[in-house]
Amino acid sequence: MTEKQIIHTRAGTVYVRRRQKYQSREYLRSIAPPTKGEMNPSAKITAEIAMAIYLTPGKHAAIAAEHGVTESHVSKVKRKEIWKHIHA
């Protein structure tokens, strides 16, 4: 199964470029669905730390220093961009 992409060049020539099945995002998700939370191999914190970050009031810099993560990571946890599943 391949996907076709039509490419227009400067000279006006049209050709078709095929993308292999194994390169498509849908195929990759079908063989290895995304993992959540601590099951993700690149997870930097645990669910307990994520919940503590979410519930702690104060400046993001102070919270980040306390838990050993970046300010942007704290911000994403608090805005529920990451670790969404622990808020349900």
N, C-alpha and C. Protein backbone atom coordinates (compact mmCIF):
# COMPACT_ATOMS: atom_id res chain seq x y z
N MET A 1 0.84 -1.18 0.00
CA MET A 1 0.00 0.00 0.00
C MET A 1 0.89 1.24 0.00
N THR A 2 0.68 2.09 -0.94
CA THR A 2 1.47 3.32 -1.01
C THR A 2 0.55 4.51 -1.14
N GLU A 3 1.06 5.64 -0.77
CA GLU A 3 0.35 6.90 -0.97
C GLU A 3 1.05 7.64 -2.09
N LYS A 4 0.27 8.34 -2.90
CA LYS A 4 0.86 9.07 -4.02
C LYS A 4 0.80 10.57 -3.72
N GLN A 5 1.85 11.23 -4.05
CA GLN A 5 1.90 12.68 -3.92
C GLN A 5 2.26 13.25 -5.28
N ILE A 6 1.47 14.20 -5.74
CA ILE A 6 1.77 14.83 -7.02
C ILE A 6 2.65 16.04 -6.75
N ILE A 7 3.76 16.11 -7.45
CA ILE A 7 4.73 17.17 -7.27
C ILE A 7 4.79 18.02 -8.53
N HIS A 8 4.71 19.32 -8.38
CA HIS A 8 4.83 20.25 -9.50
C HIS A 8 6.21 20.89 -9.43
N THR A 9 6.95 20.80 -10.49
CA THR A 9 8.28 21.39 -10.53
C THR A 9 8.22 22.78 -11.18
N ARG A 10 9.31 23.50 -11.14
CA ARG A 10 9.36 24.84 -11.74
C ARG A 10 9.11 24.81 -13.24
N ALA A 11 9.56 23.76 -13.89
CA ALA A 11 9.42 23.67 -15.34
C ALA A 11 7.99 23.27 -15.74
N GLY A 12 7.15 23.01 -14.76
CA GLY A 12 5.79 22.63 -15.07
C GLY A 12 5.60 21.13 -15.22
N THR A 13 6.67 20.39 -15.01
CA THR A 13 6.58 18.93 -15.11
C THR A 13 5.90 18.39 -13.86
N VAL A 14 5.05 17.44 -14.07
CA VAL A 14 4.35 16.83 -12.96
C VAL A 14 4.82 15.38 -12.85
N TYR A 15 5.16 14.97 -11.67
CA TYR A 15 5.51 13.57 -11.47
C TYR A 15 4.92 13.10 -10.16
N VAL A 16 4.85 11.83 -9.99
CA VAL A 16 4.23 11.24 -8.80
C VAL A 16 5.32 10.64 -7.93
N ARG A 17 5.31 11.01 -6.66
CA ARG A 17 6.25 10.44 -5.71
C ARG A 17 5.46 9.51 -4.79
N ARG A 18 5.94 8.31 -4.66
CA ARG A 18 5.26 7.34 -3.82
C ARG A 18 5.89 7.31 -2.43
N ARG A 19 5.04 7.24 -1.45
CA ARG A 19 5.51 7.13 -0.07
C ARG A 19 5.16 5.73 0.43
N GLN A 20 6.14 5.05 0.94
CA GLN A 20 5.93 3.69 1.38
C GLN A 20 5.04 3.64 2.62
N LYS A 21 4.37 2.52 2.79
CA LYS A 21 3.44 2.35 3.89
C LYS A 21 4.12 2.55 5.24
N TYR A 22 5.33 2.06 5.37
CA TYR A 22 6.00 2.13 6.66
C TYR A 22 6.41 3.54 7.05
N GLN A 23 6.31 4.49 6.13
CA GLN A 23 6.65 5.87 6.45
C GLN A 23 5.44 6.67 6.92
N SER A 24 4.24 6.14 6.75
CA SER A 24 3.05 6.91 7.10
C SER A 24 2.81 6.89 8.61
N ARG A 25 2.29 7.96 9.12
CA ARG A 25 2.01 8.10 10.54
C ARG A 25 0.95 7.09 11.00
N GLU A 26 -0.04 6.84 10.14
CA GLU A 26 -1.11 5.92 10.50
C GLU A 26 -0.55 4.50 10.71
N TYR A 27 0.36 4.10 9.84
CA TYR A 27 0.94 2.77 9.96
C TYR A 27 1.76 2.66 11.24
N LEU A 28 2.55 3.67 11.54
CA LEU A 28 3.37 3.63 12.74
C LEU A 28 2.52 3.56 14.00
N ARG A 29 1.41 4.29 14.02
CA ARG A 29 0.52 4.24 15.18
C ARG A 29 -0.18 2.89 15.29
N SER A 30 -0.41 2.23 14.16
CA SER A 30 -1.09 0.94 14.21
C SER A 30 -0.19 -0.15 14.79
N ILE A 31 1.11 -0.06 14.57
CA ILE A 31 2.00 -1.09 15.10
C ILE A 31 2.50 -0.76 16.50
N ALA A 32 2.53 0.50 16.86
CA ALA A 32 2.98 0.91 18.19
C ALA A 32 2.17 2.11 18.64
N PRO A 33 1.00 1.88 19.25
CA PRO A 33 0.19 3.01 19.68
C PRO A 33 0.91 3.85 20.72
N PRO A 34 0.62 5.15 20.78
CA PRO A 34 1.31 6.01 21.73
C PRO A 34 1.03 5.59 23.18
N THR A 35 2.05 5.66 24.01
CA THR A 35 1.89 5.30 25.41
C THR A 35 1.72 6.56 26.24
N LYS A 36 1.03 6.41 27.36
CA LYS A 36 0.75 7.56 28.21
C LYS A 36 1.52 7.44 29.52
N GLY A 37 1.86 8.59 30.05
CA GLY A 37 2.42 8.67 31.39
C GLY A 37 3.73 7.94 31.57
N GLU A 38 3.82 7.22 32.65
CA GLU A 38 5.06 6.54 33.03
C GLU A 38 5.42 5.40 32.08
N MET A 39 4.45 4.92 31.31
CA MET A 39 4.71 3.83 30.36
C MET A 39 5.49 4.33 29.15
N ASN A 40 5.53 5.64 28.95
CA ASN A 40 6.28 6.22 27.84
C ASN A 40 7.77 6.17 28.21
N PRO A 41 8.60 5.61 27.34
CA PRO A 41 10.02 5.49 27.67
C PRO A 41 10.74 6.82 27.88
N SER A 42 10.21 7.90 27.34
CA SER A 42 10.86 9.20 27.51
C SER A 42 10.26 10.02 28.64
N ALA A 43 9.45 9.42 29.49
CA ALA A 43 8.82 10.14 30.61
C ALA A 43 9.89 10.62 31.59
N LYS A 44 9.79 11.87 31.99
CA LYS A 44 10.76 12.45 32.93
C LYS A 44 10.24 12.44 34.36
N ILE A 45 8.92 12.34 34.53
CA ILE A 45 8.33 12.38 35.87
C ILE A 45 7.31 11.25 35.99
N THR A 46 6.85 11.03 37.22
CA THR A 46 5.82 10.02 37.47
C THR A 46 4.46 10.70 37.56
N ALA A 47 3.41 9.91 37.64
CA ALA A 47 2.06 10.45 37.75
C ALA A 47 1.89 11.22 39.06
N GLU A 48 2.52 10.74 40.12
CA GLU A 48 2.41 11.43 41.41
C GLU A 48 3.06 12.82 41.35
N ILE A 49 4.20 12.90 40.70
CA ILE A 49 4.88 14.20 40.55
C ILE A 49 4.06 15.12 39.66
N ALA A 50 3.47 14.58 38.60
CA ALA A 50 2.65 15.40 37.71
C ALA A 50 1.44 15.96 38.46
N MET A 51 0.80 15.14 39.29
CA MET A 51 -0.34 15.61 40.07
C MET A 51 0.10 16.65 41.10
N ALA A 52 1.27 16.46 41.70
CA ALA A 52 1.79 17.45 42.66
C ALA A 52 2.08 18.77 41.96
N ILE A 53 2.63 18.71 40.76
CA ILE A 53 2.89 19.93 39.98
C ILE A 53 1.58 20.63 39.68
N TYR A 54 0.58 19.86 39.28
CA TYR A 54 -0.72 20.45 38.92
C TYR A 54 -1.38 21.12 40.12
N LEU A 55 -1.27 20.53 41.28
CA LEU A 55 -1.96 21.05 42.46
C LEU A 55 -1.18 22.12 43.22
N THR A 56 0.11 22.26 42.96
CA THR A 56 0.94 23.22 43.69
C THR A 56 0.72 24.64 43.16
N PRO A 57 0.29 25.55 44.03
CA PRO A 57 0.18 26.95 43.60
C PRO A 57 1.55 27.63 43.64
N GLY A 58 1.69 28.70 42.91
CA GLY A 58 2.94 29.44 42.95
C GLY A 58 3.55 29.63 41.58
N LYS A 59 4.72 30.19 41.58
CA LYS A 59 5.42 30.46 40.33
C LYS A 59 5.97 29.18 39.71
N HIS A 60 5.92 29.14 38.39
CA HIS A 60 6.38 27.96 37.67
C HIS A 60 7.87 27.70 37.89
N ALA A 61 8.65 28.75 38.03
CA ALA A 61 10.10 28.58 38.23
C ALA A 61 10.38 27.86 39.55
N ALA A 62 9.66 28.22 40.59
CA ALA A 62 9.86 27.59 41.89
C ALA A 62 9.42 26.13 41.88
N ILE A 63 8.29 25.87 41.22
CA ILE A 63 7.79 24.49 41.13
C ILE A 63 8.75 23.64 40.31
N ALA A 64 9.25 24.20 39.22
CA ALA A 64 10.19 23.48 38.37
C ALA A 64 11.47 23.14 39.12
N ALA A 65 11.99 24.08 39.89
CA ALA A 65 13.21 23.82 40.66
C ALA A 65 12.98 22.75 41.72
N GLU A 66 11.81 22.77 42.31
CA GLU A 66 11.48 21.80 43.35
C GLU A 66 11.41 20.36 42.81
N HIS A 67 10.91 20.22 41.60
CA HIS A 67 10.70 18.88 41.04
C HIS A 67 11.75 18.49 39.99
N GLY A 68 12.66 19.38 39.68
CA GLY A 68 13.74 19.05 38.75
C GLY A 68 13.33 18.97 37.30
N VAL A 69 12.37 19.81 36.90
CA VAL A 69 11.93 19.87 35.50
C VAL A 69 12.01 21.32 35.03
N THR A 70 11.70 21.55 33.77
CA THR A 70 11.75 22.91 33.24
C THR A 70 10.45 23.65 33.51
N GLU A 71 10.51 24.96 33.40
CA GLU A 71 9.31 25.78 33.59
C GLU A 71 8.25 25.47 32.54
N SER A 72 8.70 25.20 31.31
CA SER A 72 7.73 24.90 30.25
C SER A 72 7.02 23.57 30.53
N HIS A 73 7.74 22.63 31.12
CA HIS A 73 7.12 21.35 31.48
C HIS A 73 6.04 21.58 32.54
N VAL A 74 6.34 22.39 33.53
CA VAL A 74 5.36 22.72 34.57
C VAL A 74 4.15 23.40 33.94
N SER A 75 4.39 24.33 33.04
CA SER A 75 3.30 25.04 32.38
C SER A 75 2.41 24.09 31.59
N LYS A 76 3.01 23.14 30.89
CA LYS A 76 2.23 22.19 30.10
C LYS A 76 1.41 21.26 30.99
N VAL A 77 1.95 20.88 32.14
CA VAL A 77 1.19 20.04 33.07
C VAL A 77 0.00 20.83 33.61
N LYS A 78 0.24 22.07 34.00
CA LYS A 78 -0.83 22.90 34.56
C LYS A 78 -1.91 23.25 33.55
N ARG A 79 -1.54 23.38 32.27
CA ARG A 79 -2.53 23.66 31.22
C ARG A 79 -3.15 22.40 30.64
N LYS A 80 -2.78 21.25 31.18
CA LYS A 80 -3.29 19.94 30.77
C LYS A 80 -2.95 19.62 29.32
N GLU A 81 -1.82 20.09 28.85
CA GLU A 81 -1.36 19.73 27.52
C GLU A 81 -0.67 18.36 27.57
N ILE A 82 -0.03 18.06 28.68
CA ILE A 82 0.57 16.75 28.89
C ILE A 82 0.04 16.20 30.20
N TRP A 83 0.11 14.91 30.38
CA TRP A 83 -0.42 14.23 31.55
C TRP A 83 -1.91 14.51 31.72
N LYS A 84 -2.66 14.55 30.61
CA LYS A 84 -4.10 14.81 30.65
C LYS A 84 -4.86 13.71 31.41
N HIS A 85 -4.41 12.50 31.26
CA HIS A 85 -5.12 11.36 31.81
C HIS A 85 -5.15 11.34 33.35
N ILE A 86 -4.29 12.07 34.02
CA ILE A 86 -4.30 12.05 35.48
C ILE A 86 -5.33 13.03 36.04
N HIS A 87 -5.86 13.90 35.21
CA HIS A 87 -6.83 14.90 35.68
C HIS A 87 -8.25 14.40 35.63
N ALA A 88 -8.49 13.28 34.99
CA ALA A 88 -9.86 12.79 34.79
C ALA A 88 -10.44 12.17 36.04
